[in-house]
Amino acid sequence: MPHQIDLTSRARTLFITGTDTGVGKTLFTALLLRHLRESGCHALAMKPFCSGGRADVRLLQSLQPGELTDHEMNPYSFAEPVAPLVAREARRKKIRLGQVVAQIRKTHTKCETLLIEGAGGLMVPLGPGFTVADLIRKLRSEVVVVARNLLGTINHSLLTVGALKAIGNEPLALILMSSATRDLSSRSNQKVLADLLKPIPVMELPFLGERPLAKLNKKIAPLVRGVLGKVVRSLEPG
């Protein structure tokens, strides 16, 4: 019997940001969304900004069928694989921070916990005068940082966590996403970052292969549930 999660005493938003693009934010968001819903929490996910196609949207929507329209889940979609500000300017489309926040809060009324997947990293410009970091600050959302478990992630992770602390938002956790190709640093990144970022938990998810949501290896599944469980416990009241 899955652990029943009580997050209803205070509606929560959890923002999943990354140290860069392509680090595994969507996969982590999908895993956490499924874990929450299977554990008794009415959670939904949205990705306000999506560039370069809607594959991420389709993946997340497959886990919450019929609950949100694609527009509610992803109000700003751009075919071009560029920063939303660049795509917006090319289309002469105005996007304001207050407008984005209002749409997110409207969607949040439909669930107990809303997972918000960001676009790229913290300093990605989303509209005139605001970045992903500004959106997080305006939402006053709790944050999880996702990073790739390869060479360079120590620098990128420290910069991202430092930027979050500068806006008064210490992340709940840093998640290292492993890939099929491992390098020497991938063996030590978790330990080094855990020491440098105390007391922020630093957790590693193994490479889950193709179609990881469809079938998890029996040996890996308990580890994945363990990592997700720790993130969930950090969300639970008091």
C-alpha atoms as a PDB file:
ATOM      1  CA  MET A   1       0.000   0.000   0.000  1.00  0.00           C
ATOM      2  CA  PRO A   2       1.558   3.347  -1.048  1.00  0.00           C
ATOM      3  CA  HIS A   3       2.201   5.907   1.665  1.00  0.00           C
ATOM      4  CA  GLN A   4      -0.788   8.258   1.767  1.00  0.00           C
ATOM      5  CA  ILE A   5       0.458  11.826   1.394  1.00  0.00           C
ATOM      6  CA  ASP A   6      -1.356  14.611   3.218  1.00  0.00           C
ATOM      7  CA  LEU A   7      -0.525  17.880   1.518  1.00  0.00           C
ATOM      8  CA  THR A   8      -4.024  19.316   1.753  1.00  0.00           C
ATOM      9  CA  SER A   9      -3.473  21.495   4.821  1.00  0.00           C
ATOM     10  CA  ARG A  10      -1.754  24.049   2.602  1.00  0.00           C
ATOM     11  CA  ALA A  11      -1.938  24.049  -1.167  1.00  0.00           C
ATOM     12  CA  ARG A  12       1.590  23.740  -2.540  1.00  0.00           C
ATOM     13  CA  THR A  13       3.440  24.792  -5.634  1.00  0.00           C
ATOM     14  CA  LEU A  14       6.747  23.125  -6.420  1.00  0.00           C
ATOM     15  CA  PHE A  15       8.887  24.671  -9.137  1.00  0.00           C
ATOM     16  CA  ILE A  16      11.289  22.307 -10.909  1.00  0.00           C
ATOM     17  CA  THR A  17      14.135  24.330 -12.366  1.00  0.00           C
ATOM     18  CA  GLY A  18      17.372  23.187 -13.950  1.00  0.00           C
ATOM     19  CA  THR A  19      21.004  24.128 -14.216  1.00  0.00           C
ATOM     20  CA  ASP A  20      20.588  24.154 -18.012  1.00  0.00           C
ATOM     21  CA  THR A  21      18.342  22.880 -20.754  1.00  0.00           C
ATOM     22  CA  GLY A  22      18.158  19.139 -21.415  1.00  0.00           C
ATOM     23  CA  VAL A  23      19.199  18.097 -17.902  1.00  0.00           C
ATOM     24  CA  GLY A  24      16.168  15.908 -17.174  1.00  0.00           C
ATOM     25  CA  LYS A  25      13.609  18.318 -15.712  1.00  0.00           C
ATOM     26  CA  THR A  26      10.696  16.828 -17.624  1.00  0.00           C
ATOM     27  CA  LEU A  27      11.537  13.257 -16.671  1.00  0.00           C
ATOM     28  CA  PHE A  28      11.926  14.183 -13.010  1.00  0.00           C
ATOM     29  CA  THR A  29       8.668  16.169 -13.082  1.00  0.00           C
ATOM     30  CA  ALA A  30       6.881  13.209 -14.661  1.00  0.00           C
ATOM     31  CA  LEU A  31       8.273  10.750 -12.105  1.00  0.00           C
ATOM     32  CA  LEU A  32       7.299  12.998  -9.200  1.00  0.00           C
ATOM     33  CA  LEU A  33       3.849  13.677 -10.650  1.00  0.00           C
ATOM     34  CA  ARG A  34       3.112   9.976 -11.004  1.00  0.00           C
ATOM     35  CA  HIS A  35       4.503   9.255  -7.525  1.00  0.00           C
ATOM     36  CA  LEU A  36       2.316  11.925  -5.910  1.00  0.00           C
ATOM     37  CA  ARG A  37      -0.847  10.863  -7.720  1.00  0.00           C
ATOM     38  CA  GLU A  38      -0.294   7.168  -6.938  1.00  0.00           C
ATOM     39  CA  SER A  39       0.293   8.092  -3.291  1.00  0.00           C
ATOM     40  CA  GLY A  40      -3.063   9.799  -2.805  1.00  0.00           C
ATOM     41  CA  CYS A  41      -2.208  13.436  -3.552  1.00  0.00           C
ATOM     42  CA  HIS A  42      -4.193  15.210  -6.251  1.00  0.00           C
ATOM     43  CA  ALA A  43      -1.231  16.708  -8.097  1.00  0.00           C
ATOM     44  CA  LEU A  44      -1.079  18.326 -11.505  1.00  0.00           C
ATOM     45  CA  ALA A  45       1.843  19.524 -13.585  1.00  0.00           C
ATOM     46  CA  MET A  46       2.209  22.417 -15.963  1.00  0.00           C
ATOM     47  CA  LYS A  47       4.994  23.765 -18.137  1.00  0.00           C
ATOM     48  CA  PRO A  48       4.154  27.440 -18.738  1.00  0.00           C
ATOM     49  CA  PHE A  49       6.847  27.904 -21.407  1.00  0.00           C
ATOM     50  CA  CYS A  50       7.831  25.313 -23.995  1.00  0.00           C
ATOM     51  CA  SER A  51      10.178  25.894 -26.929  1.00  0.00           C
ATOM     52  CA  GLY A  52      11.051  23.565 -29.784  1.00  0.00           C
ATOM     53  CA  GLY A  53       7.896  21.450 -29.857  1.00  0.00           C
ATOM     54  CA  ARG A  54       5.465  20.017 -27.317  1.00  0.00           C
ATOM     55  CA  ALA A  55       6.888  16.566 -26.620  1.00  0.00           C
ATOM     56  CA  ASP A  56       7.334  17.482 -22.931  1.00  0.00           C
ATOM     57  CA  VAL A  57       3.728  18.618 -22.757  1.00  0.00           C
ATOM     58  CA  ARG A  58       2.473  15.346 -24.229  1.00  0.00           C
ATOM     59  CA  LEU A  59       4.481  13.321 -21.716  1.00  0.00           C
ATOM     60  CA  LEU A  60       3.145  15.189 -18.696  1.00  0.00           C
ATOM     61  CA  GLN A  61      -0.395  15.289 -20.057  1.00  0.00           C
ATOM     62  CA  SER A  62      -0.349  11.500 -20.430  1.00  0.00           C
ATOM     63  CA  LEU A  63      -0.104  11.279 -16.631  1.00  0.00           C
ATOM     64  CA  GLN A  64      -3.035  13.615 -15.939  1.00  0.00           C
ATOM     65  CA  PRO A  65      -5.432  12.782 -18.798  1.00  0.00           C
ATOM     66  CA  GLY A  66      -8.409  15.067 -19.263  1.00  0.00           C
ATOM     67  CA  GLU A  67      -7.675  17.308 -16.275  1.00  0.00           C
ATOM     68  CA  LEU A  68      -6.083  20.258 -18.065  1.00  0.00           C
ATOM     69  CA  THR A  69      -6.268  21.454 -21.636  1.00  0.00           C
ATOM     70  CA  ASP A  70      -2.951  21.805 -23.424  1.00  0.00           C
ATOM     71  CA  HIS A  71      -3.332  25.577 -23.207  1.00  0.00           C
ATOM     72  CA  GLU A  72      -3.932  25.475 -19.450  1.00  0.00           C
ATOM     73  CA  MET A  73      -0.948  23.200 -19.002  1.00  0.00           C
ATOM     74  CA  ASN A  74       1.279  25.060 -21.474  1.00  0.00           C
ATOM     75  CA  PRO A  75      -0.009  28.571 -22.250  1.00  0.00           C
ATOM     76  CA  TYR A  76       3.172  29.694 -24.061  1.00  0.00           C
ATOM     77  CA  SER A  77       4.403  27.348 -26.776  1.00  0.00           C
ATOM     78  CA  PHE A  78       6.986  28.193 -29.425  1.00  0.00           C
ATOM     79  CA  ALA A  79       8.083  25.963 -32.300  1.00  0.00           C
ATOM     80  CA  GLU A  80      11.536  27.548 -32.386  1.00  0.00           C
ATOM     81  CA  PRO A  81      14.126  25.954 -30.027  1.00  0.00           C
ATOM     82  CA  VAL A  82      15.186  29.311 -28.576  1.00  0.00           C
ATOM     83  CA  ALA A  83      14.621  31.248 -25.343  1.00  0.00           C
ATOM     84  CA  PRO A  84      10.958  32.302 -24.948  1.00  0.00           C
ATOM     85  CA  LEU A  85      11.901  36.002 -25.038  1.00  0.00           C
ATOM     86  CA  VAL A  86      13.570  35.549 -28.442  1.00  0.00           C
ATOM     87  CA  ALA A  87      10.620  33.580 -29.821  1.00  0.00           C
ATOM     88  CA  ARG A  88       8.186  36.116 -28.400  1.00  0.00           C
ATOM     89  CA  GLU A  89       9.973  39.046 -30.033  1.00  0.00           C
ATOM     90  CA  ALA A  90       9.998  37.241 -33.381  1.00  0.00           C
ATOM     91  CA  ARG A  91       6.220  36.886 -33.142  1.00  0.00           C
ATOM     92  CA  ARG A  92       5.699  40.373 -31.675  1.00  0.00           C
ATOM     93  CA  LYS A  93       3.797  38.734 -28.836  1.00  0.00           C
ATOM     94  CA  LYS A  94       3.763  40.444 -25.439  1.00  0.00           C
ATOM     95  CA  ILE A  95       4.127  38.293 -22.323  1.00  0.00           C
ATOM     96  CA  ARG A  96       3.980  39.935 -18.900  1.00  0.00           C
ATOM     97  CA  LEU A  97       5.079  38.458 -15.590  1.00  0.00           C
ATOM     98  CA  GLY A  98       1.751  39.214 -13.885  1.00  0.00           C
ATOM     99  CA  GLN A  99      -0.106  37.487 -16.702  1.00  0.00           C
ATOM    100  CA  VAL A 100       1.978  34.316 -16.317  1.00  0.00           C
ATOM    101  CA  VAL A 101       1.558  34.281 -12.533  1.00  0.00           C
ATOM    102  CA  ALA A 102      -2.225  34.694 -12.860  1.00  0.00           C
ATOM    103  CA  GLN A 103      -2.459  31.730 -15.244  1.00  0.00           C
ATOM    104  CA  ILE A 104      -0.390  29.527 -12.938  1.00  0.00           C
ATOM    105  CA  ARG A 105      -2.477  30.450  -9.897  1.00  0.00           C
ATOM    106  CA  LYS A 106      -5.684  29.733 -11.800  1.00  0.00           C
ATOM    107  CA  THR A 107      -4.431  26.266 -12.671  1.00  0.00           C
ATOM    108  CA  HIS A 108      -3.359  25.734  -9.067  1.00  0.00           C
ATOM    109  CA  THR A 109      -6.982  26.034  -7.907  1.00  0.00           C
ATOM    110  CA  LYS A 110      -7.673  22.725  -9.666  1.00  0.00           C
ATOM    111  CA  CYS A 111      -5.367  20.606  -7.461  1.00  0.00           C
ATOM    112  CA  GLU A 112      -3.689  20.153  -4.086  1.00  0.00           C
ATOM    113  CA  THR A 113      -0.119  20.307  -5.349  1.00  0.00           C
ATOM    114  CA  LEU A 114       0.989  21.925  -8.597  1.00  0.00           C
ATOM    115  CA  LEU A 115       4.318  21.005 -10.160  1.00  0.00           C
ATOM    116  CA  ILE A 116       5.680  23.757 -12.401  1.00  0.00           C
ATOM    117  CA  GLU A 117       8.440  22.819 -14.815  1.00  0.00           C
ATOM    118  CA  GLY A 118      10.644  25.718 -15.804  1.00  0.00           C
ATOM    119  CA  ALA A 119      12.297  26.459 -19.142  1.00  0.00           C
ATOM    120  CA  GLY A 120      16.057  25.951 -19.197  1.00  0.00           C
ATOM    121  CA  GLY A 121      17.894  27.491 -16.258  1.00  0.00           C
ATOM    122  CA  LEU A 122      17.190  30.279 -13.786  1.00  0.00           C
ATOM    123  CA  MET A 123      18.394  33.171 -15.897  1.00  0.00           C
ATOM    124  CA  VAL A 124      16.498  32.266 -19.079  1.00  0.00           C
ATOM    125  CA  PRO A 125      14.598  35.410 -20.172  1.00  0.00           C
ATOM    126  CA  LEU A 126      10.890  34.695 -20.455  1.00  0.00           C
ATOM    127  CA  GLY A 127       9.537  38.140 -21.282  1.00  0.00           C
ATOM    128  CA  PRO A 128      10.493  41.810 -21.162  1.00  0.00           C
ATOM    129  CA  GLY A 129      12.315  42.386 -17.881  1.00  0.00           C
ATOM    130  CA  PHE A 130      11.764  38.993 -16.246  1.00  0.00           C
ATOM    131  CA  THR A 131      13.485  35.614 -16.050  1.00  0.00           C
ATOM    132  CA  VAL A 132      12.691  32.181 -14.631  1.00  0.00           C
ATOM    133  CA  ALA A 133      14.155  33.397 -11.308  1.00  0.00           C
ATOM    134  CA  ASP A 134      11.761  36.359 -11.281  1.00  0.00           C
ATOM    135  CA  LEU A 135       8.827  34.019 -11.876  1.00  0.00           C
ATOM    136  CA  ILE A 136       9.879  31.804  -8.964  1.00  0.00           C
ATOM    137  CA  ARG A 137      10.255  34.831  -6.693  1.00  0.00           C
ATOM    138  CA  LYS A 138       6.842  36.193  -7.665  1.00  0.00           C
ATOM    139  CA  LEU A 139       5.157  32.824  -7.097  1.00  0.00           C
ATOM    140  CA  ARG A 140       6.924  32.294  -3.745  1.00  0.00           C
ATOM    141  CA  SER A 141       7.153  28.687  -4.803  1.00  0.00           C
ATOM    142  CA  GLU A 142       9.219  25.933  -3.254  1.00  0.00           C
ATOM    143  CA  VAL A 143      11.965  24.774  -5.604  1.00  0.00           C
ATOM    144  CA  VAL A 144      13.809  21.629  -6.619  1.00  0.00           C
ATOM    145  CA  VAL A 145      16.908  21.952  -8.824  1.00  0.00           C
ATOM    146  CA  VAL A 146      17.656  19.294 -11.451  1.00  0.00           C
ATOM    147  CA  ALA A 147      21.189  18.894 -12.854  1.00  0.00           C
ATOM    148  CA  ARG A 148      22.956  16.468 -15.168  1.00  0.00           C
ATOM    149  CA  ASN A 149      25.400  14.128 -13.458  1.00  0.00           C
ATOM    150  CA  LEU A 150      28.430  14.843 -15.642  1.00  0.00           C
ATOM    151  CA  LEU A 151      31.542  17.003 -15.663  1.00  0.00           C
ATOM    152  CA  GLY A 152      30.684  20.660 -15.071  1.00  0.00           C
ATOM    153  CA  THR A 153      27.672  20.095 -12.858  1.00  0.00           C
ATOM    154  CA  ILE A 154      29.429  21.220  -9.662  1.00  0.00           C
ATOM    155  CA  ASN A 155      29.940  24.712 -11.062  1.00  0.00           C
ATOM    156  CA  HIS A 156      26.474  24.894 -12.623  1.00  0.00           C
ATOM    157  CA  SER A 157      24.778  23.575  -9.488  1.00  0.00           C
ATOM    158  CA  LEU A 158      26.564  25.970  -7.135  1.00  0.00           C
ATOM    159  CA  LEU A 159      25.745  28.919  -9.393  1.00  0.00           C
ATOM    160  CA  THR A 160      22.061  27.921  -9.554  1.00  0.00           C
ATOM    161  CA  VAL A 161      21.684  27.345  -5.817  1.00  0.00           C
ATOM    162  CA  GLY A 162      23.536  30.595  -5.125  1.00  0.00           C
ATOM    163  CA  ALA A 163      21.181  32.509  -7.409  1.00  0.00           C
ATOM    164  CA  LEU A 164      18.168  30.983  -5.652  1.00  0.00           C
ATOM    165  CA  LYS A 165      19.522  31.908  -2.240  1.00  0.00           C
ATOM    166  CA  ALA A 166      20.060  35.461  -3.497  1.00  0.00           C
ATOM    167  CA  ILE A 167      16.304  35.784  -4.091  1.00  0.00           C
ATOM    168  CA  GLY A 168      15.559  34.257  -0.697  1.00  0.00           C
ATOM    169  CA  ASN A 169      14.654  30.766  -1.872  1.00  0.00           C
ATOM    170  CA  GLU A 170      16.830  27.888  -0.696  1.00  0.00           C
ATOM    171  CA  PRO A 171      15.915  24.808  -2.750  1.00  0.00           C
ATOM    172  CA  LEU A 172      14.373  21.759  -1.125  1.00  0.00           C
ATOM    173  CA  ALA A 173      16.772  19.454  -2.950  1.00  0.00           C
ATOM    174  CA  LEU A 174      19.237  19.071  -5.796  1.00  0.00           C
ATOM    175  CA  ILE A 175      18.596  16.073  -8.059  1.00  0.00           C
ATOM    176  CA  LEU A 176      21.420  14.688 -10.188  1.00  0.00           C
ATOM    177  CA  MET A 177      20.122  12.912 -13.291  1.00  0.00           C
ATOM    178  CA  SER A 178      22.490  10.274 -14.618  1.00  0.00           C
ATOM    179  CA  SER A 179      22.824   9.473 -18.313  1.00  0.00           C
ATOM    180  CA  ALA A 180      23.811   6.416 -20.306  1.00  0.00           C
ATOM    181  CA  THR A 181      27.299   7.877 -20.737  1.00  0.00           C
ATOM    182  CA  ARG A 182      29.102   8.343 -17.432  1.00  0.00           C
ATOM    183  CA  ASP A 183      32.377  10.163 -16.890  1.00  0.00           C
ATOM    184  CA  LEU A 184      34.804  10.181 -13.979  1.00  0.00           C
ATOM    185  CA  SER A 185      33.070  13.104 -12.260  1.00  0.00           C
ATOM    186  CA  SER A 186      29.712  11.298 -12.196  1.00  0.00           C
ATOM    187  CA  ARG A 187      31.104   9.004  -9.502  1.00  0.00           C
ATOM    188  CA  SER A 188      31.916  11.858  -7.118  1.00  0.00           C
ATOM    189  CA  ASN A 189      29.497  14.687  -7.961  1.00  0.00           C
ATOM    190  CA  GLN A 190      26.863  13.633  -5.447  1.00  0.00           C
ATOM    191  CA  LYS A 191      29.281  13.453  -2.509  1.00  0.00           C
ATOM    192  CA  VAL A 192      31.087  16.696  -3.372  1.00  0.00           C
ATOM    193  CA  LEU A 193      27.871  18.650  -3.838  1.00  0.00           C
ATOM    194  CA  ALA A 194      26.307  17.172  -0.702  1.00  0.00           C
ATOM    195  CA  ASP A 195      29.288  18.445   1.295  1.00  0.00           C
ATOM    196  CA  LEU A 196      29.289  21.876  -0.351  1.00  0.00           C
ATOM    197  CA  LEU A 197      25.528  22.451  -0.174  1.00  0.00           C
ATOM    198  CA  LYS A 198      24.717  21.226   3.340  1.00  0.00           C
ATOM    199  CA  PRO A 199      21.996  21.107   4.595  1.00  0.00           C
ATOM    200  CA  ILE A 200      20.351  20.917   1.151  1.00  0.00           C
ATOM    201  CA  PRO A 201      19.838  17.232   0.234  1.00  0.00           C
ATOM    202  CA  VAL A 202      21.656  16.131  -2.914  1.00  0.00           C
ATOM    203  CA  MET A 203      20.225  12.977  -4.477  1.00  0.00           C
ATOM    204  CA  GLU A 204      21.104  10.994  -7.571  1.00  0.00           C
ATOM    205  CA  LEU A 205      18.749   9.216  -9.933  1.00  0.00           C
ATOM    206  CA  PRO A 206      20.293   6.453 -12.065  1.00  0.00           C
ATOM    207  CA  PHE A 207      19.922   6.306 -15.828  1.00  0.00           C
ATOM    208  CA  LEU A 208      16.489   4.806 -16.388  1.00  0.00           C
ATOM    209  CA  GLY A 209      16.805   3.810 -20.031  1.00  0.00           C
ATOM    210  CA  GLU A 210      14.320   4.376 -22.817  1.00  0.00           C
ATOM    211  CA  ARG A 211      10.640   4.814 -21.924  1.00  0.00           C
ATOM    212  CA  PRO A 212      11.442   4.976 -18.198  1.00  0.00           C
ATOM    213  CA  LEU A 213       7.843   5.641 -17.174  1.00  0.00           C
ATOM    214  CA  ALA A 214       6.572   2.559 -18.948  1.00  0.00           C
ATOM    215  CA  LYS A 215       8.879   0.088 -17.259  1.00  0.00           C
ATOM    216  CA  LEU A 216      11.419   0.600 -14.489  1.00  0.00           C
ATOM    217  CA  ASN A 217      14.034  -2.040 -13.808  1.00  0.00           C
ATOM    218  CA  LYS A 218      13.077  -3.946 -10.633  1.00  0.00           C
ATOM    219  CA  LYS A 219      16.421  -3.150  -9.038  1.00  0.00           C
ATOM    220  CA  ILE A 220      16.175   0.549  -9.889  1.00  0.00           C
ATOM    221  CA  ALA A 221      12.522   1.170  -9.009  1.00  0.00           C
ATOM    222  CA  PRO A 222      13.008   1.113  -5.190  1.00  0.00           C
ATOM    223  CA  LEU A 223      15.837   3.652  -5.495  1.00  0.00           C
ATOM    224  CA  VAL A 224      13.674   5.952  -7.621  1.00  0.00           C
ATOM    225  CA  ARG A 225      10.802   5.683  -5.134  1.00  0.00           C
ATOM    226  CA  GLY A 226      13.238   6.394  -2.314  1.00  0.00           C
ATOM    227  CA  VAL A 227      14.471   9.621  -3.917  1.00  0.00           C
ATOM    228  CA  LEU A 228      10.947  10.762  -4.759  1.00  0.00           C
ATOM    229  CA  GLY A 229       9.815   9.898  -1.235  1.00  0.00           C
ATOM    230  CA  LYS A 230      12.484  12.147   0.266  1.00  0.00           C
ATOM    231  CA  VAL A 231      11.361  15.037  -1.931  1.00  0.00           C
ATOM    232  CA  VAL A 232       7.741  14.454  -0.945  1.00  0.00           C
ATOM    233  CA  ARG A 233       8.582  14.362   2.766  1.00  0.00           C
ATOM    234  CA  SER A 234      10.237  17.749   2.433  1.00  0.00           C
ATOM    235  CA  LEU A 235       6.887  19.050   1.159  1.00  0.00           C
ATOM    236  CA  GLU A 236       4.769  17.596   3.945  1.00  0.00           C
ATOM    237  CA  PRO A 237       3.634  19.917   6.743  1.00  0.00           C
ATOM    238  CA  GLY A 238       5.818  20.319   9.809  1.00  0.00           C
END
